[in-house]
Every structure is written in structure tokens, then in C-alpha cells.
Amino acid sequence: MIAPIIFAWLALSINFGCYSNNANLTHQRNEEFPLIDFNGETHIYKDNFRELVFPRHNEKLTQYCKAHQHWEHIQAVWSKDKIDGHWRWNYFVTKDRKSFKK
């Protein structure tokens, strides 16, 4: 029962570049990842997700949004969700002022 699980895990690890038998080989993959903001709008960013440091409370991170095709500031705030009322990290996304000059 455990052997198929381990085999599947190894196969997925090798396919996604997580495993390498060469110690000098480094992977820096830029992957797309979605982010749903406080208003429920989906933003798509592309970056090295393993090394990306998301902002903490009231800090900003600037990323290029593929969905809206401009630079955006992402701000994480620990607050109540407006739908469920549970406390969680909410992400507020604003357009960068330099993106207005098109």
C-alpha cells in the first residue's frame, strides 16, 4: 500500500524539478500563481514562488499582474473576512501609480 504512494510521490517530484541527483544543479522556475484579493477579484502573478516572500501585516509587495497587464501593490492585512467573518490574511491589491501613464 505504501509503495504506490512513494512511487507516485517520486514520479511527481522528478517531473516538477524537485528532485535532482546533480548537487550543482539549481532550479529557479518562474511559476504562475493566482491571488484572490479582498474583493474576490483574481490576480495572476509570475515569480519564483519558492523564494517569494509575501508581505506581512501592512507591508507591500509590488508584482506584475498578467490578468490586468500592469504593476500592482499587494498588501496583506490580518482582518475579518467580509463573507465568513473569520479572521485571516486578507490581500488588498492596488494599481501602481506608474501604470496609469499609458
N, C-alpha and C. Protein backbone atom coordinates (compact mmCIF):
# COMPACT_ATOMS: atom_id res chain seq x y z
N MET A 1 0.82 -1.20 0.00
CA MET A 1 0.00 0.00 0.00
C MET A 1 0.86 1.27 0.00
N ILE A 2 1.95 1.24 0.73
CA ILE A 2 2.81 2.43 0.82
C ILE A 2 3.68 2.58 -0.43
N ALA A 3 4.06 1.47 -1.05
CA ALA A 3 4.93 1.52 -2.23
C ALA A 3 4.33 2.34 -3.37
N PRO A 4 3.03 2.18 -3.72
CA PRO A 4 2.48 3.03 -4.79
C PRO A 4 2.48 4.51 -4.45
N ILE A 5 2.28 4.83 -3.18
CA ILE A 5 2.28 6.24 -2.76
C ILE A 5 3.67 6.83 -2.91
N ILE A 6 4.68 6.08 -2.49
CA ILE A 6 6.06 6.56 -2.60
C ILE A 6 6.45 6.69 -4.07
N PHE A 7 6.06 5.72 -4.89
CA PHE A 7 6.36 5.77 -6.32
C PHE A 7 5.71 6.99 -6.98
N ALA A 8 4.45 7.26 -6.64
CA ALA A 8 3.76 8.43 -7.20
C ALA A 8 4.42 9.72 -6.76
N TRP A 9 4.83 9.80 -5.49
CA TRP A 9 5.49 11.00 -4.98
C TRP A 9 6.81 11.24 -5.70
N LEU A 10 7.60 10.17 -5.90
CA LEU A 10 8.87 10.32 -6.61
C LEU A 10 8.65 10.73 -8.06
N ALA A 11 7.65 10.13 -8.70
CA ALA A 11 7.39 10.49 -10.09
C ALA A 11 6.99 11.95 -10.22
N LEU A 12 6.16 12.45 -9.31
CA LEU A 12 5.77 13.85 -9.35
C LEU A 12 6.94 14.76 -9.02
N SER A 13 7.77 14.36 -8.09
CA SER A 13 8.94 15.18 -7.72
C SER A 13 9.90 15.32 -8.88
N ILE A 14 10.13 14.24 -9.60
CA ILE A 14 11.05 14.29 -10.73
C ILE A 14 10.45 15.11 -11.87
N ASN A 15 9.15 14.98 -12.13
CA ASN A 15 8.50 15.72 -13.21
C ASN A 15 8.51 17.22 -12.97
N PHE A 16 8.37 17.68 -11.73
CA PHE A 16 8.29 19.10 -11.44
C PHE A 16 9.64 19.70 -11.05
N GLY A 17 10.72 18.96 -11.22
CA GLY A 17 12.04 19.50 -10.98
C GLY A 17 12.40 19.63 -9.52
N CYS A 18 11.72 18.91 -8.64
CA CYS A 18 12.02 19.00 -7.21
C CYS A 18 13.17 18.09 -6.82
N TYR A 19 13.47 17.11 -7.64
CA TYR A 19 14.49 16.14 -7.31
C TYR A 19 15.55 16.16 -8.40
N SER A 20 16.78 16.14 -7.97
CA SER A 20 17.87 16.07 -8.93
C SER A 20 19.02 15.32 -8.28
N ASN A 21 19.67 14.46 -9.04
CA ASN A 21 20.82 13.75 -8.49
C ASN A 21 22.11 14.55 -8.69
N ASN A 22 22.05 15.69 -9.35
CA ASN A 22 23.20 16.55 -9.55
C ASN A 22 23.18 17.64 -8.48
N ALA A 23 24.15 17.64 -7.58
CA ALA A 23 24.17 18.58 -6.46
C ALA A 23 24.44 20.01 -6.91
N ASN A 24 25.08 20.21 -8.06
CA ASN A 24 25.39 21.56 -8.53
C ASN A 24 24.26 22.19 -9.32
N LEU A 25 23.23 21.46 -9.64
CA LEU A 25 22.14 21.96 -10.44
C LEU A 25 21.14 22.70 -9.57
N THR A 26 20.84 23.92 -9.93
CA THR A 26 19.86 24.70 -9.17
C THR A 26 18.69 25.04 -10.08
N HIS A 27 17.51 25.01 -9.51
CA HIS A 27 16.30 25.31 -10.27
C HIS A 27 15.74 26.65 -9.82
N GLN A 28 15.52 27.52 -10.75
CA GLN A 28 14.86 28.78 -10.48
C GLN A 28 13.75 28.91 -11.50
N ARG A 29 12.60 28.35 -11.15
CA ARG A 29 11.47 28.35 -12.06
C ARG A 29 10.55 29.51 -11.71
N ASN A 30 10.17 30.25 -12.71
CA ASN A 30 9.15 31.26 -12.53
C ASN A 30 7.81 30.62 -12.83
N GLU A 31 6.99 30.54 -11.80
CA GLU A 31 5.70 29.87 -11.91
C GLU A 31 4.59 30.88 -11.75
N GLU A 32 3.49 30.64 -12.44
CA GLU A 32 2.31 31.48 -12.27
C GLU A 32 1.55 31.04 -11.03
N PHE A 33 1.05 32.01 -10.31
CA PHE A 33 0.22 31.69 -9.15
C PHE A 33 -0.90 32.72 -9.03
N PRO A 34 -2.10 32.25 -8.69
CA PRO A 34 -3.23 33.18 -8.55
C PRO A 34 -3.29 33.74 -7.13
N LEU A 35 -3.86 34.91 -7.01
CA LEU A 35 -4.12 35.52 -5.71
C LEU A 35 -5.51 36.14 -5.78
N ILE A 36 -6.34 35.81 -4.82
CA ILE A 36 -7.69 36.38 -4.76
C ILE A 36 -7.68 37.45 -3.69
N ASP A 37 -8.01 38.68 -4.09
CA ASP A 37 -7.95 39.80 -3.15
C ASP A 37 -9.21 39.88 -2.29
N PHE A 38 -9.27 40.90 -1.46
CA PHE A 38 -10.35 41.10 -0.50
C PHE A 38 -11.71 41.23 -1.18
N ASN A 39 -11.73 41.75 -2.40
CA ASN A 39 -12.99 41.92 -3.14
C ASN A 39 -13.38 40.70 -3.96
N GLY A 40 -12.58 39.64 -3.93
CA GLY A 40 -12.88 38.42 -4.67
C GLY A 40 -12.37 38.43 -6.09
N GLU A 41 -11.56 39.41 -6.46
CA GLU A 41 -11.01 39.50 -7.81
C GLU A 41 -9.72 38.68 -7.90
N THR A 42 -9.56 37.93 -8.99
CA THR A 42 -8.40 37.07 -9.16
C THR A 42 -7.30 37.81 -9.91
N HIS A 43 -6.10 37.74 -9.38
CA HIS A 43 -4.90 38.32 -9.98
C HIS A 43 -3.94 37.17 -10.25
N ILE A 44 -3.20 37.25 -11.36
CA ILE A 44 -2.25 36.20 -11.72
C ILE A 44 -0.86 36.82 -11.80
N TYR A 45 0.05 36.29 -11.00
CA TYR A 45 1.42 36.77 -10.95
C TYR A 45 2.36 35.64 -11.35
N LYS A 46 3.55 36.00 -11.81
CA LYS A 46 4.55 35.02 -12.20
C LYS A 46 5.86 35.39 -11.52
N ASP A 47 6.37 34.46 -10.72
CA ASP A 47 7.61 34.71 -9.99
C ASP A 47 8.16 33.38 -9.50
N ASN A 48 9.36 33.40 -8.96
CA ASN A 48 9.93 32.21 -8.34
C ASN A 48 9.23 32.03 -7.00
N PHE A 49 8.20 31.20 -6.99
CA PHE A 49 7.30 31.07 -5.84
C PHE A 49 8.02 30.51 -4.61
N ARG A 50 9.05 29.70 -4.82
CA ARG A 50 9.77 29.11 -3.67
C ARG A 50 10.56 30.15 -2.90
N GLU A 51 11.03 31.19 -3.56
CA GLU A 51 11.83 32.21 -2.91
C GLU A 51 11.07 33.50 -2.64
N LEU A 52 9.80 33.55 -3.07
CA LEU A 52 9.00 34.76 -2.90
C LEU A 52 8.62 34.93 -1.44
N VAL A 53 8.81 36.13 -0.93
CA VAL A 53 8.44 36.44 0.45
C VAL A 53 7.21 37.33 0.41
N PHE A 54 6.08 36.78 0.86
CA PHE A 54 4.86 37.55 0.87
C PHE A 54 4.91 38.58 1.99
N PRO A 55 4.26 39.71 1.80
CA PRO A 55 4.33 40.76 2.82
C PRO A 55 3.63 40.36 4.10
N ARG A 56 4.13 40.90 5.20
CA ARG A 56 3.48 40.71 6.49
C ARG A 56 2.48 41.84 6.69
N HIS A 57 1.97 41.97 7.88
CA HIS A 57 0.91 42.93 8.16
C HIS A 57 1.30 44.35 7.75
N ASN A 58 0.50 44.94 6.86
CA ASN A 58 0.63 46.31 6.35
C ASN A 58 1.90 46.58 5.57
N GLU A 59 2.60 45.56 5.11
CA GLU A 59 3.72 45.75 4.21
C GLU A 59 3.24 45.54 2.78
N LYS A 60 3.95 46.10 1.80
CA LYS A 60 3.54 45.99 0.41
C LYS A 60 4.58 45.23 -0.41
N LEU A 61 4.08 44.52 -1.40
CA LEU A 61 4.91 43.82 -2.37
C LEU A 61 4.40 44.23 -3.75
N THR A 62 5.29 44.59 -4.66
CA THR A 62 4.89 45.00 -5.99
C THR A 62 5.18 43.87 -6.98
N GLN A 63 4.15 43.48 -7.74
CA GLN A 63 4.25 42.42 -8.72
C GLN A 63 3.53 42.84 -10.00
N TYR A 64 3.92 42.22 -11.11
CA TYR A 64 3.23 42.46 -12.38
C TYR A 64 2.09 41.47 -12.52
N CYS A 65 0.88 41.96 -12.73
CA CYS A 65 -0.31 41.12 -12.86
C CYS A 65 -0.53 40.79 -14.34
N LYS A 66 -0.54 39.49 -14.65
CA LYS A 66 -0.77 39.06 -16.03
C LYS A 66 -2.23 39.23 -16.43
N ALA A 67 -3.14 39.16 -15.48
CA ALA A 67 -4.57 39.28 -15.80
C ALA A 67 -4.93 40.71 -16.19
N HIS A 68 -4.37 41.70 -15.48
CA HIS A 68 -4.70 43.10 -15.73
C HIS A 68 -3.62 43.83 -16.53
N GLN A 69 -2.48 43.19 -16.72
CA GLN A 69 -1.36 43.71 -17.50
C GLN A 69 -0.85 45.06 -17.01
N HIS A 70 -0.65 45.14 -15.70
CA HIS A 70 0.01 46.31 -15.11
C HIS A 70 0.57 45.94 -13.75
N TRP A 71 1.39 46.85 -13.20
CA TRP A 71 2.02 46.61 -11.90
C TRP A 71 1.02 46.89 -10.79
N GLU A 72 1.06 46.04 -9.75
CA GLU A 72 0.13 46.17 -8.63
C GLU A 72 0.87 46.02 -7.30
N HIS A 73 0.36 46.70 -6.29
CA HIS A 73 0.87 46.58 -4.93
C HIS A 73 -0.03 45.60 -4.19
N ILE A 74 0.57 44.60 -3.54
CA ILE A 74 -0.16 43.64 -2.73
C ILE A 74 0.12 43.97 -1.28
N GLN A 75 -0.94 44.14 -0.51
CA GLN A 75 -0.80 44.45 0.91
C GLN A 75 -1.57 43.42 1.70
N ALA A 76 -0.90 42.73 2.61
CA ALA A 76 -1.54 41.73 3.46
C ALA A 76 -1.96 42.37 4.78
N VAL A 77 -3.20 42.11 5.18
CA VAL A 77 -3.73 42.67 6.43
C VAL A 77 -4.46 41.55 7.17
N TRP A 78 -4.14 41.37 8.44
CA TRP A 78 -4.83 40.39 9.28
C TRP A 78 -6.14 41.03 9.73
N SER A 79 -7.26 40.54 9.18
CA SER A 79 -8.55 41.13 9.50
C SER A 79 -9.65 40.11 9.29
N LYS A 80 -10.88 40.52 9.64
CA LYS A 80 -12.03 39.63 9.45
C LYS A 80 -12.39 39.58 7.98
N ASP A 81 -12.73 38.38 7.54
CA ASP A 81 -13.21 38.19 6.17
C ASP A 81 -14.60 38.79 6.06
N LYS A 82 -14.88 39.47 4.94
CA LYS A 82 -16.18 40.13 4.86
C LYS A 82 -17.32 39.16 4.52
N ILE A 83 -17.01 37.95 4.07
CA ILE A 83 -18.06 36.98 3.77
C ILE A 83 -18.34 36.09 4.99
N ASP A 84 -17.32 35.41 5.50
CA ASP A 84 -17.49 34.47 6.60
C ASP A 84 -17.37 35.11 7.97
N GLY A 85 -16.67 36.21 8.07
CA GLY A 85 -16.43 36.85 9.36
C GLY A 85 -15.33 36.20 10.17
N HIS A 86 -14.55 35.29 9.54
CA HIS A 86 -13.42 34.66 10.22
C HIS A 86 -12.17 35.51 10.07
N TRP A 87 -11.30 35.44 11.08
CA TRP A 87 -10.02 36.15 10.99
C TRP A 87 -9.08 35.39 10.09
N ARG A 88 -8.46 36.11 9.15
CA ARG A 88 -7.50 35.51 8.22
C ARG A 88 -6.69 36.62 7.56
N TRP A 89 -5.70 36.22 6.75
CA TRP A 89 -4.94 37.18 5.96
C TRP A 89 -5.79 37.60 4.77
N ASN A 90 -6.08 38.87 4.67
CA ASN A 90 -6.78 39.43 3.52
C ASN A 90 -5.77 40.23 2.70
N TYR A 91 -5.88 40.12 1.39
CA TYR A 91 -4.94 40.79 0.49
C TYR A 91 -5.65 41.92 -0.24
N PHE A 92 -5.11 43.12 -0.08
CA PHE A 92 -5.62 44.31 -0.76
C PHE A 92 -4.67 44.62 -1.90
N VAL A 93 -5.22 44.71 -3.11
CA VAL A 93 -4.40 44.94 -4.31
C VAL A 93 -4.78 46.29 -4.89
N THR A 94 -3.76 47.14 -5.09
CA THR A 94 -3.97 48.45 -5.71
C THR A 94 -3.04 48.59 -6.91
N LYS A 95 -3.49 49.33 -7.89
CA LYS A 95 -2.70 49.57 -9.09
C LYS A 95 -1.58 50.56 -8.79
N ASP A 96 -0.39 50.27 -9.29
CA ASP A 96 0.75 51.16 -9.10
C ASP A 96 0.53 52.46 -9.86
N ARG A 97 0.95 53.58 -9.30
CA ARG A 97 0.70 54.89 -9.93
C ARG A 97 1.41 55.04 -11.27
N LYS A 98 2.51 54.32 -11.49
CA LYS A 98 3.20 54.40 -12.77
C LYS A 98 2.44 53.68 -13.87
N SER A 99 1.51 52.79 -13.51
CA SER A 99 0.73 52.07 -14.51
C SER A 99 -0.37 52.92 -15.12
N PHE A 100 -0.66 54.07 -14.51
CA PHE A 100 -1.70 54.95 -15.04
C PHE A 100 -1.21 55.76 -16.25
N LYS A 101 0.10 55.81 -16.48
CA LYS A 101 0.68 56.66 -17.53
C LYS A 101 0.76 55.96 -18.87
N LYS A 102 -0.24 55.22 -19.26
CA LYS A 102 -0.22 54.52 -20.55
C LYS A 102 -0.81 55.36 -21.65
